[in-house]
Amino acid sequence: MTIAQHDGIVTKSESGKVTVQIEAQSACSSCEAHGKCGFAESKAKEVEISTSDWQQYRAGDRVTVGIDKSLGLKAATIAYILPGLLIVAIFVAANHWLGDLWSAVVTLAFVALYWGAIALAGKRLNHQFSFHLTHQE
């Protein structure tokens, strides 16, 4: 089952990857994944999708891009839930021992380290979060 589907236009297809330009639609506001998938944040967004049948897609093709519901929940956990819980826990623990100023500094350092680790793990995460790509009729 897919959580979100968006229409787009292929801008490039080469070397096992298809680049699709997604345009935010007014339907995004009523979608249950609104604000979580990242497509609704801007008017147009490019997504690079790894696929073995990349040769079937040409620049200008109209396609539909989707992601599984379970992957949407996993992405929300990694991006929002886990760091949110850790930030609160680290701030409370640091505040107990260090005081307000240093607990804020430690918490901000944790945020930088967390997102640095996410950036370093980007390729591995990209393999786990695969999009579905289908031609539109």
Protein backbone atom coordinates (compact mmCIF):
# COMPACT_ATOMS: atom_id res chain seq x y z
CA MET A 1 0.00 0.00 0.00
CA THR A 2 1.36 3.45 -0.90
CA ILE A 3 1.13 6.38 1.48
CA ALA A 4 1.72 9.11 -1.05
CA GLN A 5 1.69 9.35 -4.81
CA HIS A 6 2.71 12.35 -6.84
CA ASP A 7 2.64 13.05 -10.54
CA GLY A 8 5.82 14.22 -12.14
CA ILE A 9 7.80 14.63 -15.34
CA VAL A 10 11.04 12.81 -16.07
CA THR A 11 13.88 15.30 -16.53
CA LYS A 12 16.72 12.82 -16.92
CA SER A 13 17.23 9.07 -17.24
CA GLU A 14 20.74 7.62 -17.12
CA SER A 15 22.96 5.03 -15.43
CA GLY A 16 20.27 3.26 -13.40
CA LYS A 17 18.65 6.47 -12.16
CA VAL A 18 15.62 8.45 -13.23
CA THR A 19 15.27 12.09 -12.16
CA VAL A 20 11.67 13.24 -11.80
CA GLN A 21 10.42 16.77 -11.20
CA ILE A 22 7.45 16.72 -8.82
CA GLU A 23 5.05 19.62 -8.61
CA ALA A 24 3.15 20.13 -5.35
CA GLN A 25 -0.57 19.79 -5.88
CA SER A 26 -3.50 21.27 -4.03
CA ALA A 27 -4.40 17.71 -3.04
CA CYS A 28 -1.30 17.67 -0.82
CA SER A 29 -3.10 19.62 1.89
CA SER A 30 -5.67 16.84 2.37
CA CYS A 31 -3.14 13.99 2.22
CA GLU A 32 -2.49 12.11 5.47
CA ALA A 33 1.25 12.36 4.80
CA HIS A 34 1.15 16.13 4.27
CA GLY A 35 4.31 17.70 5.62
CA LYS A 36 6.05 14.35 6.07
CA CYS A 37 6.96 13.39 2.51
CA GLY A 38 8.62 16.71 1.71
CA PHE A 39 6.89 17.24 -1.64
CA ALA A 40 4.41 19.81 -0.32
CA GLU A 41 7.14 22.16 0.95
CA SER A 42 7.91 23.74 -2.40
CA LYS A 43 6.35 24.26 -5.78
CA ALA A 44 8.70 21.90 -7.61
CA LYS A 45 11.13 19.31 -6.30
CA GLU A 46 13.42 16.89 -8.08
CA VAL A 47 13.68 13.31 -6.89
CA GLU A 48 16.33 10.86 -8.06
CA ILE A 49 15.00 7.31 -8.21
CA SER A 50 17.20 4.25 -8.63
CA THR A 51 15.57 1.67 -10.88
CA SER A 52 16.73 -1.24 -12.98
CA ASP A 53 14.37 -0.33 -15.85
CA TRP A 54 15.67 3.23 -16.21
CA GLN A 55 15.93 2.79 -20.01
CA GLN A 56 12.11 2.76 -20.28
CA TYR A 57 11.94 6.39 -19.20
CA ARG A 58 12.73 9.41 -21.35
CA ALA A 59 12.88 13.11 -20.54
CA GLY A 60 9.36 14.52 -20.77
CA ASP A 61 7.57 11.27 -19.81
CA ARG A 62 4.72 11.75 -17.34
CA VAL A 63 5.09 9.39 -14.36
CA THR A 64 3.69 8.69 -10.92
CA VAL A 65 6.06 8.48 -7.95
CA GLY A 66 4.98 6.75 -4.73
CA ILE A 67 6.38 5.43 -1.46
CA ASP A 68 5.13 2.58 0.76
CA LYS A 69 3.23 3.40 3.95
CA SER A 70 5.67 1.45 6.14
CA LEU A 71 8.60 3.42 4.71
CA GLY A 72 6.80 6.69 5.38
CA LEU A 73 6.46 5.74 9.04
CA LYS A 74 10.12 4.71 9.19
CA ALA A 75 11.17 8.04 7.64
CA ALA A 76 9.03 9.99 10.12
CA THR A 77 10.60 8.02 12.99
CA ILE A 78 14.15 8.74 11.82
CA ALA A 79 13.49 12.39 10.97
CA TYR A 80 11.16 13.49 13.78
CA ILE A 81 10.24 11.00 16.50
CA LEU A 82 13.66 9.57 17.43
CA PRO A 83 15.57 12.86 17.45
CA GLY A 84 12.71 14.57 19.29
CA LEU A 85 12.73 12.01 22.08
CA LEU A 86 16.52 12.04 22.30
CA ILE A 87 16.66 15.84 22.39
CA VAL A 88 14.26 15.97 25.33
CA ALA A 89 16.08 13.17 27.19
CA ILE A 90 19.53 14.69 26.60
CA PHE A 91 18.38 18.17 27.63
CA VAL A 92 16.75 16.91 30.84
CA ALA A 93 19.76 14.75 31.78
CA ALA A 94 22.30 17.48 30.94
CA ASN A 95 20.25 20.10 32.76
CA HIS A 96 20.32 17.94 35.89
CA TRP A 97 24.14 17.93 35.93
CA LEU A 98 25.25 20.98 33.96
CA GLY A 99 22.66 23.75 34.23
CA ASP A 100 20.66 25.58 31.59
CA LEU A 101 23.35 27.04 29.35
CA TRP A 102 25.52 23.94 29.05
CA SER A 103 22.54 21.63 28.65
CA ALA A 104 21.43 23.76 25.70
CA VAL A 105 24.94 23.61 24.22
CA VAL A 106 25.11 19.81 24.69
CA THR A 107 21.66 19.41 23.14
CA LEU A 108 22.58 21.53 20.10
CA ALA A 109 25.81 19.54 19.71
CA PHE A 110 23.75 16.35 19.76
CA VAL A 111 21.47 17.72 17.03
CA ALA A 112 24.50 18.51 14.86
CA LEU A 113 25.97 15.05 15.45
CA TYR A 114 22.63 13.33 14.76
CA TRP A 115 22.10 15.07 11.43
CA GLY A 116 25.76 14.59 10.55
CA ALA A 117 25.31 10.85 11.10
CA ILE A 118 22.16 10.89 8.96
CA ALA A 119 24.09 12.68 6.18
CA LEU A 120 26.92 10.13 6.37
CA ALA A 121 24.44 7.27 6.26
CA GLY A 122 22.63 8.89 3.32
CA LYS A 123 23.54 6.29 0.69
CA ARG A 124 22.56 3.39 2.92
CA LEU A 125 19.29 5.11 3.83
CA ASN A 126 18.57 5.84 0.17
CA HIS A 127 18.67 2.12 -0.55
CA GLN A 128 16.10 1.48 2.20
CA PHE A 129 13.74 4.24 1.08
CA SER A 130 12.89 3.32 -2.46
CA PHE A 131 10.23 5.05 -4.52
CA HIS A 132 7.88 3.35 -6.95
CA LEU A 133 7.91 4.75 -10.46
CA THR A 134 5.21 4.06 -13.05
CA HIS A 135 4.30 5.56 -16.41
CA GLN A 136 1.05 7.47 -16.61
CA GLU A 137 -1.41 6.39 -19.28
